[in-house]
PDB file of N, CA and C in Angstrom:
ATOM      1  N   MET A   1       0.843  -1.164   0.000  1.00  0.00           N
ATOM      2  CA  MET A   1       0.000   0.000   0.000  1.00  0.00           C
ATOM      3  C   MET A   1       0.897   1.238   0.000  1.00  0.00           C
ATOM      4  N   ILE A   2       0.421   2.271  -0.649  1.00  0.00           N
ATOM      5  CA  ILE A   2       1.206   3.495  -0.798  1.00  0.00           C
ATOM      6  C   ILE A   2       0.493   4.648  -0.099  1.00  0.00           C
ATOM      7  N   ILE A   3       1.274   5.436   0.630  1.00  0.00           N
ATOM      8  CA  ILE A   3       0.768   6.672   1.226  1.00  0.00           C
ATOM      9  C   ILE A   3       1.564   7.823   0.625  1.00  0.00           C
ATOM     10  N   VAL A   4       0.867   8.711  -0.080  1.00  0.00           N
ATOM     11  CA  VAL A   4       1.482   9.903  -0.664  1.00  0.00           C
ATOM     12  C   VAL A   4       1.345  11.026   0.364  1.00  0.00           C
ATOM     13  N   HIS A   5       2.426  11.780   0.577  1.00  0.00           N
ATOM     14  CA  HIS A   5       2.410  12.833   1.597  1.00  0.00           C
ATOM     15  C   HIS A   5       3.152  14.065   1.102  1.00  0.00           C
ATOM     16  N   ASP A   6       2.889  15.196   1.776  1.00  0.00           N
ATOM     17  CA  ASP A   6       3.611  16.421   1.430  1.00  0.00           C
ATOM     18  C   ASP A   6       4.879  16.530   2.267  1.00  0.00           C
ATOM     19  N   LYS A   7       5.619  17.629   2.096  1.00  0.00           N
ATOM     20  CA  LYS A   7       6.904  17.794   2.792  1.00  0.00           C
ATOM     21  C   LYS A   7       6.754  17.888   4.307  1.00  0.00           C
ATOM     22  N   ASP A   8       5.554  18.275   4.786  1.00  0.00           N
ATOM     23  CA  ASP A   8       5.310  18.370   6.224  1.00  0.00           C
ATOM     24  C   ASP A   8       4.782  17.069   6.819  1.00  0.00           C
ATOM     25  N   GLY A   9       4.573  16.054   5.983  1.00  0.00           N
ATOM     26  CA  GLY A   9       4.088  14.765   6.468  1.00  0.00           C
ATOM     27  C   GLY A   9       2.582  14.597   6.417  1.00  0.00           C
ATOM     28  N   ARG A  10       1.867  15.591   5.866  1.00  0.00           N
ATOM     29  CA  ARG A  10       0.411  15.473   5.735  1.00  0.00           C
ATOM     30  C   ARG A  10       0.089  14.439   4.665  1.00  0.00           C
ATOM     31  N   ILE A  11      -0.804  13.534   4.996  1.00  0.00           N
ATOM     32  CA  ILE A  11      -1.195  12.500   4.046  1.00  0.00           C
ATOM     33  C   ILE A  11      -2.115  13.115   3.003  1.00  0.00           C
ATOM     34  N   GLN A  12      -1.765  12.920   1.746  1.00  0.00           N
ATOM     35  CA  GLN A  12      -2.529  13.486   0.642  1.00  0.00           C
ATOM     36  C   GLN A  12      -3.331  12.435  -0.109  1.00  0.00           C
ATOM     37  N   GLU A  13      -2.849  11.208  -0.087  1.00  0.00           N
ATOM     38  CA  GLU A  13      -3.504  10.158  -0.863  1.00  0.00           C
ATOM     39  C   GLU A  13      -3.096   8.807  -0.292  1.00  0.00           C
ATOM     40  N   THR A  14      -4.023   7.862  -0.276  1.00  0.00           N
ATOM     41  CA  THR A  14      -3.711   6.493   0.112  1.00  0.00           C
ATOM     42  C   THR A  14      -4.131   5.574  -1.030  1.00  0.00           C
ATOM     43  N   LEU A  15      -3.265   4.646  -1.353  1.00  0.00           N
ATOM     44  CA  LEU A  15      -3.530   3.724  -2.457  1.00  0.00           C
ATOM     45  C   LEU A  15      -3.358   2.294  -1.968  1.00  0.00           C
ATOM     46  N   SER A  16      -4.439   1.540  -1.980  1.00  0.00           N
ATOM     47  CA  SER A  16      -4.326   0.140  -1.592  1.00  0.00           C
ATOM     48  C   SER A  16      -4.178  -0.756  -2.823  1.00  0.00           C
ATOM     49  N   MET A  17      -4.636  -0.263  -3.968  1.00  0.00           N
ATOM     50  CA  MET A  17      -4.491  -1.015  -5.221  1.00  0.00           C
ATOM     51  C   MET A  17      -3.835  -0.098  -6.247  1.00  0.00           C
ATOM     52  N   TYR A  18      -2.788  -0.583  -6.873  1.00  0.00           N
ATOM     53  CA  TYR A  18      -2.090   0.222  -7.875  1.00  0.00           C
ATOM     54  C   TYR A  18      -1.323  -0.718  -8.796  1.00  0.00           C
ATOM     55  N   GLN A  19      -1.001  -0.230  -9.962  1.00  0.00           N
ATOM     56  CA  GLN A  19      -0.284  -1.039 -10.947  1.00  0.00           C
ATOM     57  C   GLN A  19       1.198  -1.104 -10.616  1.00  0.00           C
ATOM     58  N   LYS A  20       1.811  -2.173 -11.065  1.00  0.00           N
ATOM     59  CA  LYS A  20       3.256  -2.314 -10.910  1.00  0.00           C
ATOM     60  C   LYS A  20       3.931  -1.103 -11.562  1.00  0.00           C
ATOM     61  N   GLY A  21       4.915  -0.547 -10.901  1.00  0.00           N
ATOM     62  CA  GLY A  21       5.621   0.614 -11.430  1.00  0.00           C
ATOM     63  C   GLY A  21       5.009   1.951 -11.027  1.00  0.00           C
ATOM     64  N   HIS A  22       3.936   1.912 -10.225  1.00  0.00           N
ATOM     65  CA  HIS A  22       3.295   3.170  -9.838  1.00  0.00           C
ATOM     66  C   HIS A  22       4.217   4.020  -8.953  1.00  0.00           C
ATOM     67  N   GLY A  23       5.047   3.358  -8.147  1.00  0.00           N
ATOM     68  CA  GLY A  23       6.002   4.097  -7.319  1.00  0.00           C
ATOM     69  C   GLY A  23       6.955   4.924  -8.169  1.00  0.00           C
ATOM     70  N   LYS A  24       7.426   4.356  -9.280  1.00  0.00           N
ATOM     71  CA  LYS A  24       8.303   5.098 -10.196  1.00  0.00           C
ATOM     72  C   LYS A  24       7.549   6.277 -10.800  1.00  0.00           C
ATOM     73  N   HIS A  25       6.297   6.052 -11.145  1.00  0.00           N
ATOM     74  CA  HIS A  25       5.466   7.127 -11.696  1.00  0.00           C
ATOM     75  C   HIS A  25       5.351   8.281 -10.687  1.00  0.00           C
ATOM     76  N   LEU A  26       5.091   7.941  -9.417  1.00  0.00           N
ATOM     77  CA  LEU A  26       4.991   8.974  -8.375  1.00  0.00           C
ATOM     78  C   LEU A  26       6.316   9.722  -8.231  1.00  0.00           C
ATOM     79  N   THR A  27       7.418   8.976  -8.249  1.00  0.00           N
ATOM     80  CA  THR A  27       8.741   9.596  -8.147  1.00  0.00           C
ATOM     81  C   THR A  27       8.987  10.539  -9.322  1.00  0.00           C
ATOM     82  N   ASP A  28       8.635  10.095 -10.519  1.00  0.00           N
ATOM     83  CA  ASP A  28       8.812  10.930 -11.711  1.00  0.00           C
ATOM     84  C   ASP A  28       7.986  12.215 -11.628  1.00  0.00           C
ATOM     85  N   MET A  29       6.849  12.154 -10.926  1.00  0.00           N
ATOM     86  CA  MET A  29       5.982  13.329 -10.762  1.00  0.00           C
ATOM     87  C   MET A  29       6.434  14.214  -9.602  1.00  0.00           C
ATOM     88  N   GLY A  30       7.491  13.794  -8.887  1.00  0.00           N
ATOM     89  CA  GLY A  30       7.999  14.588  -7.776  1.00  0.00           C
ATOM     90  C   GLY A  30       7.227  14.403  -6.484  1.00  0.00           C
ATOM     91  N   LYS A  31       6.452  13.332  -6.389  1.00  0.00           N
ATOM     92  CA  LYS A  31       5.650  13.068  -5.188  1.00  0.00           C
ATOM     93  C   LYS A  31       6.483  12.339  -4.141  1.00  0.00           C
ATOM     94  N   SER A  32       6.207  12.634  -2.879  1.00  0.00           N
ATOM     95  CA  SER A  32       6.824  11.905  -1.771  1.00  0.00           C
ATOM     96  C   SER A  32       5.844  10.833  -1.319  1.00  0.00           C
ATOM     97  N   PHE A  33       6.358   9.634  -1.045  1.00  0.00           N
ATOM     98  CA  PHE A  33       5.468   8.556  -0.627  1.00  0.00           C
ATOM     99  C   PHE A  33       6.242   7.529   0.179  1.00  0.00           C
ATOM    100  N   ILE A  34       5.486   6.718   0.898  1.00  0.00           N
ATOM    101  CA  ILE A  34       6.052   5.575   1.606  1.00  0.00           C
ATOM    102  C   ILE A  34       5.200   4.362   1.256  1.00  0.00           C
ATOM    103  N   ILE A  35       5.787   3.192   1.405  1.00  0.00           N
ATOM    104  CA  ILE A  35       5.060   1.942   1.198  1.00  0.00           C
ATOM    105  C   ILE A  35       4.879   1.299   2.566  1.00  0.00           C
ATOM    106  N   VAL A  36       3.639   0.921   2.880  1.00  0.00           N
ATOM    107  CA  VAL A  36       3.314   0.317   4.171  1.00  0.00           C
ATOM    108  C   VAL A  36       2.535  -0.976   3.940  1.00  0.00           C
ATOM    109  N   LEU A  37       2.503  -1.830   4.962  1.00  0.00           N
ATOM    110  CA  LEU A  37       1.739  -3.073   4.864  1.00  0.00           C
ATOM    111  C   LEU A  37       0.253  -2.843   5.065  1.00  0.00           C
ATOM    112  N   ASP A  38      -0.085  -1.853   5.902  1.00  0.00           N
ATOM    113  CA  ASP A  38      -1.486  -1.599   6.224  1.00  0.00           C
ATOM    114  C   ASP A  38      -1.679  -0.096   6.421  1.00  0.00           C
ATOM    115  N   ILE A  39      -2.828   0.400   6.006  1.00  0.00           N
ATOM    116  CA  ILE A  39      -3.149   1.817   6.177  1.00  0.00           C
ATOM    117  C   ILE A  39      -4.213   1.925   7.264  1.00  0.00           C
ATOM    118  N   PRO A  40      -3.938   2.638   8.372  1.00  0.00           N
ATOM    119  CA  PRO A  40      -4.945   2.787   9.428  1.00  0.00           C
ATOM    120  C   PRO A  40      -6.195   3.491   8.900  1.00  0.00           C
ATOM    121  N   LEU A  41      -7.350   3.121   9.448  1.00  0.00           N
ATOM    122  CA  LEU A  41      -8.605   3.737   9.016  1.00  0.00           C
ATOM    123  C   LEU A  41      -8.602   5.244   9.237  1.00  0.00           C
ATOM    124  N   ASP A  42      -7.931   5.702  10.287  1.00  0.00           N
ATOM    125  CA  ASP A  42      -7.892   7.132  10.599  1.00  0.00           C
ATOM    126  C   ASP A  42      -6.605   7.798  10.088  1.00  0.00           C
ATOM    127  N   ALA A  43      -6.027   7.237   9.040  1.00  0.00           N
ATOM    128  CA  ALA A  43      -4.750   7.748   8.522  1.00  0.00           C
ATOM    129  C   ALA A  43      -4.816   9.228   8.178  1.00  0.00           C
ATOM    130  N   TRP A  44      -5.910   9.670   7.588  1.00  0.00           N
ATOM    131  CA  TRP A  44      -6.020  11.066   7.135  1.00  0.00           C
ATOM    132  C   TRP A  44      -6.046  12.057   8.296  1.00  0.00           C
ATOM    133  N   THR A  45      -6.571  11.649   9.438  1.00  0.00           N
ATOM    134  CA  THR A  45      -6.754  12.596  10.539  1.00  0.00           C
ATOM    135  C   THR A  45      -5.769  12.418  11.687  1.00  0.00           C
ATOM    136  N   ALA A  46      -5.315  11.212  11.938  1.00  0.00           N
ATOM    137  CA  ALA A  46      -4.556  10.949  13.159  1.00  0.00           C
ATOM    138  C   ALA A  46      -3.110  10.518  12.929  1.00  0.00           C
ATOM    139  N   TRP A  47      -2.668  10.508  11.679  1.00  0.00           N
ATOM    140  CA  TRP A  47      -1.319  10.036  11.383  1.00  0.00           C
ATOM    141  C   TRP A  47      -0.584  11.033  10.493  1.00  0.00           C
ATOM    142  N   SER A  48       0.737  10.969  10.533  1.00  0.00           N
ATOM    143  CA  SER A  48       1.568  11.764   9.630  1.00  0.00           C
ATOM    144  C   SER A  48       2.795  10.937   9.269  1.00  0.00           C
ATOM    145  N   VAL A  49       3.518  11.394   8.281  1.00  0.00           N
ATOM    146  CA  VAL A  49       4.742  10.713   7.870  1.00  0.00           C
ATOM    147  C   VAL A  49       5.920  11.509   8.426  1.00  0.00           C
ATOM    148  N   VAL A  50       6.738  10.829   9.230  1.00  0.00           N
ATOM    149  CA  VAL A  50       7.894  11.454   9.871  1.00  0.00           C
ATOM    150  C   VAL A  50       9.126  10.613   9.540  1.00  0.00           C
ATOM    151  N   ALA A  51      10.100  11.224   8.912  1.00  0.00           N
ATOM    152  CA  ALA A  51      11.354  10.541   8.568  1.00  0.00           C
ATOM    153  C   ALA A  51      11.090   9.222   7.840  1.00  0.00           C
ATOM    154  N   GLY A  52      10.133   9.239   6.910  1.00  0.00           N
ATOM    155  CA  GLY A  52       9.849   8.062   6.102  1.00  0.00           C
ATOM    156  C   GLY A  52       9.039   6.982   6.778  1.00  0.00           C
ATOM    157  N   LYS A  53       8.463   7.291   7.944  1.00  0.00           N
ATOM    158  CA  LYS A  53       7.655   6.302   8.665  1.00  0.00           C
ATOM    159  C   LYS A  53       6.303   6.896   9.018  1.00  0.00           C
ATOM    160  N   LEU A  54       5.291   6.045   9.045  1.00  0.00           N
ATOM    161  CA  LEU A  54       3.958   6.456   9.452  1.00  0.00           C
ATOM    162  C   LEU A  54       3.918   6.519  10.973  1.00  0.00           C
ATOM    163  N   GLU A  55       3.615   7.693  11.516  1.00  0.00           N
ATOM    164  CA  GLU A  55       3.622   7.910  12.968  1.00  0.00           C
ATOM    165  C   GLU A  55       2.304   8.537  13.404  1.00  0.00           C
ATOM    166  N   PRO A  56       1.818   8.195  14.611  1.00  0.00           N
ATOM    167  CA  PRO A  56       0.620   8.885  15.110  1.00  0.00           C
ATOM    168  C   PRO A  56       0.942  10.352  15.388  1.00  0.00           C
ATOM    169  N   ARG A  57      -0.001  11.226  15.056  1.00  0.00           N
ATOM    170  CA  ARG A  57       0.187  12.647  15.354  1.00  0.00           C
ATOM    171  C   ARG A  57       0.112  12.841  16.866  1.00  0.00           C
ATOM    172  N   PRO A  58       0.919  13.746  17.424  1.00  0.00           N
ATOM    173  CA  PRO A  58       0.860  13.983  18.871  1.00  0.00           C
ATOM    174  C   PRO A  58      -0.452  14.655  19.269  1.00  0.00           C
ATOM    175  N   SER A  59      -0.948  14.277  20.435  1.00  0.00           N
ATOM    176  CA  SER A  59      -2.185  14.889  20.923  1.00  0.00           C
ATOM    177  C   SER A  59      -1.890  16.259  21.522  1.00  0.00           C
ATOM    178  N   CYS A  60      -2.895  17.100  21.538  1.00  0.00           N
ATOM    179  CA  CYS A  60      -2.783  18.428  22.133  1.00  0.00           C
ATOM    180  C   CYS A  60      -2.830  18.266  23.650  1.00  0.00           C
ATOM    181  N   GLN A  61      -1.846  18.794  24.333  1.00  0.00           N
ATOM    182  CA  GLN A  61      -1.753  18.643  25.787  1.00  0.00           C
ATOM    183  C   GLN A  61      -2.363  19.822  26.548  1.00  0.00           C
ATOM    184  N   ALA A  62      -3.097  20.679  25.850  1.00  0.00           N
ATOM    185  CA  ALA A  62      -3.720  21.835  26.503  1.00  0.00           C
ATOM    186  C   ALA A  62      -4.746  21.375  27.529  1.00  0.00           C
ATOM    187  N   LEU A  63      -4.843  22.126  28.607  1.00  0.00           N
ATOM    188  CA  LEU A  63      -5.812  21.842  29.663  1.00  0.00           C
ATOM    189  C   LEU A  63      -6.852  22.948  29.707  1.00  0.00           C
ATOM    190  N   VAL A  64      -8.100  22.554  29.900  1.00  0.00           N
ATOM    191  CA  VAL A  64      -9.207  23.498  30.038  1.00  0.00           C
ATOM    192  C   VAL A  64      -9.870  23.200  31.373  1.00  0.00           C
ATOM    193  N   THR A  65      -9.924  24.204  32.246  1.00  0.00           N
ATOM    194  CA  THR A  65     -10.568  24.031  33.549  1.00  0.00           C
ATOM    195  C   THR A  65     -11.604  25.126  33.755  1.00  0.00           C
ATOM    196  N   VAL A  66     -12.592  24.810  34.572  1.00  0.00           N
ATOM    197  CA  VAL A  66     -13.675  25.750  34.859  1.00  0.00           C
ATOM    198  C   VAL A  66     -13.701  26.011  36.356  1.00  0.00           C
ATOM    199  N   ALA A  67     -13.821  27.287  36.717  1.00  0.00           N
ATOM    200  CA  ALA A  67     -13.988  27.685  38.114  1.00  0.00           C
ATOM    201  C   ALA A  67     -15.051  28.779  38.131  1.00  0.00           C
ATOM    202  N   GLY A  68     -16.211  28.440  38.636  1.00  0.00           N
ATOM    203  CA  GLY A  68     -17.313  29.400  38.617  1.00  0.00           C
ATOM    204  C   GLY A  68     -17.738  29.680  37.198  1.00  0.00           C
ATOM    205  N   ARG A  69     -17.698  30.945  36.822  1.00  0.00           N
ATOM    206  CA  ARG A  69     -18.064  31.325  35.449  1.00  0.00           C
ATOM    207  C   ARG A  69     -16.843  31.662  34.592  1.00  0.00           C
ATOM    208  N   ALA A  70     -15.686  31.189  35.014  1.00  0.00           N
ATOM    209  CA  ALA A  70     -14.452  31.438  34.262  1.00  0.00           C
ATOM    210  C   ALA A  70     -13.909  30.132  33.693  1.00  0.00           C
ATOM    211  N   ILE A  71     -13.378  30.222  32.489  1.00  0.00           N
ATOM    212  CA  ILE A  71     -12.723  29.094  31.833  1.00  0.00           C
ATOM    213  C   ILE A  71     -11.248  29.457  31.713  1.00  0.00           C
ATOM    214  N   PHE A  72     -10.388  28.546  32.170  1.00  0.00           N
ATOM    215  CA  PHE A  72      -8.944  28.781  32.152  1.00  0.00           C
ATOM    216  C   PHE A  72      -8.267  27.807  31.190  1.00  0.00           C
ATOM    217  N   LEU A  73      -7.358  28.328  30.397  1.00  0.00           N
ATOM    218  CA  LEU A  73      -6.597  27.521  29.443  1.00  0.00           C
ATOM    219  C   LEU A  73      -5.139  27.495  29.873  1.00  0.00           C
ATOM    220  N   SER A  74      -4.533  26.319  29.811  1.00  0.00           N
ATOM    221  CA  SER A  74      -3.104  26.225  30.107  1.00  0.00           C
ATOM    222  C   SER A  74      -2.462  25.217  29.161  1.00  0.00           C
ATOM    223  N   ASN A  75      -1.179  25.365  28.988  1.00  0.00           N
ATOM    224  CA  ASN A  75      -0.389  24.465  28.154  1.00  0.00           C
ATOM    225  C   ASN A  75      -0.864  24.442  26.694  1.00  0.00           C
ATOM    226  N   VAL A  76      -1.392  25.565  26.217  1.00  0.00           N
ATOM    227  CA  VAL A  76      -1.826  25.668  24.819  1.00  0.00           C
ATOM    228  C   VAL A  76      -0.572  25.802  23.953  1.00  0.00           C
ATOM    229  N   PRO A  77      -0.403  24.941  22.947  1.00  0.00           N
ATOM    230  CA  PRO A  77       0.794  25.025  22.106  1.00  0.00           C
ATOM    231  C   PRO A  77       0.918  26.396  21.426  1.00  0.00           C
ATOM    232  N   PRO A  78       2.114  26.964  21.377  1.00  0.00           N
ATOM    233  CA  PRO A  78       2.309  28.246  20.688  1.00  0.00           C
ATOM    234  C   PRO A  78       1.824  28.158  19.242  1.00  0.00           C
ATOM    235  N   GLY A  79       1.202  29.227  18.780  1.00  0.00           N
ATOM    236  CA  GLY A  79       0.701  29.270  17.416  1.00  0.00           C
ATOM    237  C   GLY A  79      -0.691  28.688  17.240  1.00  0.00           C
ATOM    238  N   SER A  80      -1.315  28.267  18.334  1.00  0.00           N
ATOM    239  CA  SER A  80      -2.657  27.680  18.261  1.00  0.00           C
ATOM    240  C   SER A  80      -3.720  28.747  18.057  1.00  0.00           C
ATOM    241  N   THR A  81      -4.820  28.343  17.446  1.00  0.00           N
ATOM    242  CA  THR A  81      -6.019  29.162  17.361  1.00  0.00           C
ATOM    243  C   THR A  81      -7.023  28.557  18.330  1.00  0.00           C
ATOM    244  N   VAL A  82      -7.582  29.382  19.210  1.00  0.00           N
ATOM    245  CA  VAL A  82      -8.548  28.897  20.194  1.00  0.00           C
ATOM    246  C   VAL A  82      -9.873  29.603  19.956  1.00  0.00           C
ATOM    247  N   THR A  83     -10.941  28.813  19.910  1.00  0.00           N
ATOM    248  CA  THR A  83     -12.278  29.349  19.682  1.00  0.00           C
ATOM    249  C   THR A  83     -13.224  28.786  20.725  1.00  0.00           C
ATOM    250  N   ALA A  84     -14.068  29.652  21.285  1.00  0.00           N
ATOM    251  CA  ALA A  84     -15.131  29.220  22.197  1.00  0.00           C
ATOM    252  C   ALA A  84     -16.453  29.296  21.436  1.00  0.00           C
ATOM    253  N   TRP A  85     -17.217  28.228  21.478  1.00  0.00           N
ATOM    254  CA  TRP A  85     -18.547  28.211  20.861  1.00  0.00           C
ATOM    255  C   TRP A  85     -19.563  28.382  21.975  1.00  0.00           C
ATOM    256  N   ILE A  86     -20.250  29.531  21.956  1.00  0.00           N
ATOM    257  CA  ILE A  86     -21.226  29.875  22.992  1.00  0.00           C
ATOM    258  C   ILE A  86     -22.548  30.153  22.298  1.00  0.00           C
ATOM    259  N   ASP A  87     -23.569  29.374  22.617  1.00  0.00           N
ATOM    260  CA  ASP A  87     -24.889  29.530  21.976  1.00  0.00           C
ATOM    261  C   ASP A  87     -24.783  29.529  20.453  1.00  0.00           C
ATOM    262  N   GLY A  88     -23.921  28.666  19.907  1.00  0.00           N
ATOM    263  CA  GLY A  88     -23.788  28.546  18.461  1.00  0.00           C
ATOM    264  C   GLY A  88     -22.970  29.638  17.797  1.00  0.00           C
ATOM    265  N   ILE A  89     -22.372  30.517  18.582  1.00  0.00           N
ATOM    266  CA  ILE A  89     -21.576  31.621  18.033  1.00  0.00           C
ATOM    267  C   ILE A  89     -20.102  31.366  18.351  1.00  0.00           C
ATOM    268  N   ALA A  90     -19.246  31.482  17.334  1.00  0.00           N
ATOM    269  CA  ALA A  90     -17.809  31.295  17.518  1.00  0.00           C
ATOM    270  C   ALA A  90     -17.188  32.585  18.030  1.00  0.00           C
ATOM    271  N   VAL A  91     -16.474  32.473  19.146  1.00  0.00           N
ATOM    272  CA  VAL A  91     -15.810  33.629  19.747  1.00  0.00           C
ATOM    273  C   VAL A  91     -14.312  33.325  19.836  1.00  0.00           C
ATOM    274  N   PRO A  92     -13.460  34.103  19.150  1.00  0.00           N
ATOM    275  CA  PRO A  92     -12.015  33.874  19.253  1.00  0.00           C
ATOM    276  C   PRO A  92     -11.535  34.117  20.686  1.00  0.00           C
ATOM    277  N   VAL A  93     -10.641  33.262  21.153  1.00  0.00           N
ATOM    278  CA  VAL A  93     -10.080  33.394  22.499  1.00  0.00           C
ATOM    279  C   VAL A  93      -8.598  33.706  22.342  1.00  0.00           C
ATOM    280  N   GLU A  94      -8.176  34.839  22.890  1.00  0.00           N
ATOM    281  CA  GLU A  94      -6.775  35.242  22.767  1.00  0.00           C
ATOM    282  C   GLU A  94      -6.089  35.371  24.117  1.00  0.00           C
ATOM    283  N   ALA A  95      -6.813  35.102  25.191  1.00  0.00           N
ATOM    284  CA  ALA A  95      -6.246  35.195  26.536  1.00  0.00           C
ATOM    285  C   ALA A  95      -6.215  33.803  27.166  1.00  0.00           C
ATOM    286  N   ALA A  96      -5.587  33.709  28.328  1.00  0.00           N
ATOM    287  CA  ALA A  96      -5.495  32.427  29.022  1.00  0.00           C
ATOM    288  C   ALA A  96      -6.764  32.095  29.786  1.00  0.00           C
ATOM    289  N   SER A  97      -7.715  33.046  29.826  1.00  0.00           N
ATOM    290  CA  SER A  97      -8.985  32.769  30.507  1.00  0.00           C
ATOM    291  C   SER A  97     -10.083  33.623  29.883  1.00  0.00           C
ATOM    292  N   ILE A  98     -11.310  33.142  30.020  1.00  0.00           N
ATOM    293  CA  ILE A  98     -12.478  33.921  29.607  1.00  0.00           C
ATOM    294  C   ILE A  98     -13.515  33.798  30.704  1.00  0.00           C
ATOM    295  N   GLU A  99     -14.260  34.859  30.890  1.00  0.00           N
ATOM    296  CA  GLU A  99     -15.308  34.860  31.908  1.00  0.00           C
ATOM    297  C   GLU A  99     -16.646  35.078  31.215  1.00  0.00           C
ATOM    298  N   LEU A 100     -17.637  34.297  31.633  1.00  0.00           N
ATOM    299  CA  LEU A 100     -18.949  34.351  31.008  1.00  0.00           C
ATOM    300  C   LEU A 100     -19.981  34.910  31.969  1.00  0.00           C
ATOM    301  N   ASP A 101     -20.970  35.602  31.410  1.00  0.00           N
ATOM    302  CA  ASP A 101     -22.035  36.185  32.220  1.00  0.00           C
ATOM    303  C   ASP A 101     -23.145  35.194  32.519  1.00  0.00           C
ATOM    304  N   GLU A 102     -23.371  34.259  31.612  1.00  0.00           N
ATOM    305  CA  GLU A 102     -24.503  33.344  31.723  1.00  0.00           C
ATOM    306  C   GLU A 102     -24.032  31.897  31.852  1.00  0.00           C
ATOM    307  N   PRO A 103     -24.804  31.072  32.555  1.00  0.00           N
ATOM    308  CA  PRO A 103     -24.485  29.646  32.613  1.00  0.00           C
ATOM    309  C   PRO A 103     -24.845  28.969  31.293  1.00  0.00           C
ATOM    310  N   GLY A 104     -24.306  27.778  31.088  1.00  0.00           N
ATOM    311  CA  GLY A 104     -24.641  26.996  29.909  1.00  0.00           C
ATOM    312  C   GLY A 104     -23.441  26.257  29.350  1.00  0.00           C
ATOM    313  N   PRO A 105     -23.677  25.477  28.299  1.00  0.00           N
ATOM    314  CA  PRO A 105     -22.586  24.708  27.695  1.00  0.00           C
ATOM    315  C   PRO A 105     -21.692  25.584  26.818  1.00  0.00           C
ATOM    316  N   VAL A 106     -20.425  25.269  26.830  1.00  0.00           N
ATOM    317  CA  VAL A 106     -19.440  25.968  25.998  1.00  0.00           C
ATOM    318  C   VAL A 106     -18.508  24.909  25.407  1.00  0.00           C
ATOM    319  N   THR A 107     -18.204  25.049  24.138  1.00  0.00           N
ATOM    320  CA  THR A 107     -17.229  24.170  23.493  1.00  0.00           C
ATOM    321  C   THR A 107     -15.983  24.988  23.193  1.00  0.00           C
ATOM    322  N   ILE A 108     -14.845  24.491  23.665  1.00  0.00           N
ATOM    323  CA  ILE A 108     -13.557  25.130  23.413  1.00  0.00           C
ATOM    324  C   ILE A 108     -12.820  24.282  22.377  1.00  0.00           C
ATOM    325  N   ARG A 109     -12.482  24.891  21.245  1.00  0.00           N
ATOM    326  CA  ARG A 109     -11.758  24.181  20.176  1.00  0.00           C
ATOM    327  C   ARG A 109     -10.358  24.777  20.076  1.00  0.00           C
ATOM    328  N   ILE A 110      -9.353  23.924  20.273  1.00  0.00           N
ATOM    329  CA  ILE A 110      -7.958  24.345  20.199  1.00  0.00           C
ATOM    330  C   ILE A 110      -7.355  23.728  18.939  1.00  0.00           C
ATOM    331  N   SER A 111      -6.945  24.594  18.012  1.00  0.00           N
ATOM    332  CA  SER A 111      -6.365  24.150  16.736  1.00  0.00           C
ATOM    333  C   SER A 111      -4.888  24.518  16.719  1.00  0.00           C
ATOM    334  N   PRO A 112      -4.027  23.590  17.146  1.00  0.00           N
ATOM    335  CA  PRO A 112      -2.591  23.879  17.177  1.00  0.00           C
ATOM    336  C   PRO A 112      -1.952  23.725  15.800  1.00  0.00           C
ATOM    337  N   PRO A 113      -0.707  24.167  15.667  1.00  0.00           N
ATOM    338  CA  PRO A 113       0.005  23.983  14.403  1.00  0.00           C
ATOM    339  C   PRO A 113       0.216  22.488  14.106  1.00  0.00           C
ATOM    340  N   TRP A 114       0.380  22.184  12.835  1.00  0.00           N
ATOM    341  CA  TRP A 114       0.673  20.827  12.395  1.00  0.00           C
ATOM    342  C   TRP A 114       1.986  20.379  13.011  1.00  0.00           C
ATOM    343  N   PRO A 115       2.124  19.147  13.448  1.00  0.00           N
ATOM    344  CA  PRO A 115       1.219  18.020  13.301  1.00  0.00           C
ATOM    345  C   PRO A 115       0.369  17.726  14.536  1.00  0.00           C
ATOM    346  N   ILE A 116       0.344  18.629  15.510  1.00  0.00           N
ATOM    347  CA  ILE A 116      -0.409  18.364  16.743  1.00  0.00           C
ATOM    348  C   ILE A 116      -1.900  18.263  16.425  1.00  0.00           C
ATOM    349  N   MET A 117      -2.558  17.287  17.042  1.00  0.00           N
ATOM    350  CA  MET A 117      -3.989  17.056  16.820  1.00  0.00           C
ATOM    351  C   MET A 117      -4.820  18.182  17.435  1.00  0.00           C
ATOM    352  N   GLU A 118      -5.938  18.472  16.815  1.00  0.00           N
ATOM    353  CA  GLU A 118      -6.886  19.444  17.356  1.00  0.00           C
ATOM    354  C   GLU A 118      -7.528  18.855  18.615  1.00  0.00           C
ATOM    355  N   ALA A 119      -7.896  19.716  19.555  1.00  0.00           N
ATOM    356  CA  ALA A 119      -8.555  19.276  20.786  1.00  0.00           C
ATOM    357  C   ALA A 119      -9.873  20.021  20.945  1.00  0.00           C
ATOM    358  N   VAL A 120     -10.899  19.300  21.367  1.00  0.00           N
ATOM    359  CA  VAL A 120     -12.206  19.899  21.606  1.00  0.00           C
ATOM    360  C   VAL A 120     -12.616  19.555  23.035  1.00  0.00           C
ATOM    361  N   HIS A 121     -12.968  20.590  23.798  1.00  0.00           N
ATOM    362  CA  HIS A 121     -13.380  20.411  25.192  1.00  0.00           C
ATOM    363  C   HIS A 121     -14.792  20.964  25.358  1.00  0.00           C
ATOM    364  N   ASP A 122     -15.702  20.128  25.815  1.00  0.00           N
ATOM    365  CA  ASP A 122     -17.060  20.569  26.126  1.00  0.00           C
ATOM    366  C   ASP A 122     -17.150  20.782  27.631  1.00  0.00           C
ATOM    367  N   VAL A 123     -17.495  21.999  28.037  1.00  0.00           N
ATOM    368  CA  VAL A 123     -17.588  22.320  29.462  1.00  0.00           C
ATOM    369  C   VAL A 123     -18.959  22.913  29.759  1.00  0.00           C
ATOM    370  N   GLU A 124     -19.314  22.884  31.009  1.00  0.00           N
ATOM    371  CA  GLU A 124     -20.594  23.439  31.455  1.00  0.00           C
ATOM    372  C   GLU A 124     -20.315  24.541  32.467  1.00  0.00           C
ATOM    373  N   ILE A 125     -20.849  25.726  32.200  1.00  0.00           N
ATOM    374  CA  ILE A 125     -20.712  26.856  33.111  1.00  0.00           C
ATOM    375  C   ILE A 125     -21.975  26.907  33.958  1.00  0.00           C
ATOM    376  N   GLU A 126     -21.789  26.937  35.265  1.00  0.00           N
ATOM    377  CA  GLU A 126     -22.955  26.944  36.167  1.00  0.00           C
ATOM    378  C   GLU A 126     -23.209  28.308  36.750  1.00  0.00           C
TER     379      GLU A 126
END
């Protein structure tokens, strides 16, 4: 099986069936690829190619805690985009904490730089 990837290790294409010589064709086209025995079902979202090997993407280690009506963020990877979804409205978060006036559910989405996995935290403000 062939996994075609870009220079950053993002998987662009997976091929489980291909003609003999397809690897040469990919090379001639300037594509980067690896050959593997099996392609994980979540290859597109949870894996990347690192130094010619298929590796799981690292998880986001950011922590989201709630105290009263405040949400605190810690260990957010540098370069991340953080968004709070409140009543269906996306609110950009640029500080280490946000305070809300009303109780209810809030979804915090942390989108770190590649290859770190995105993290979604559902919290309840009381």
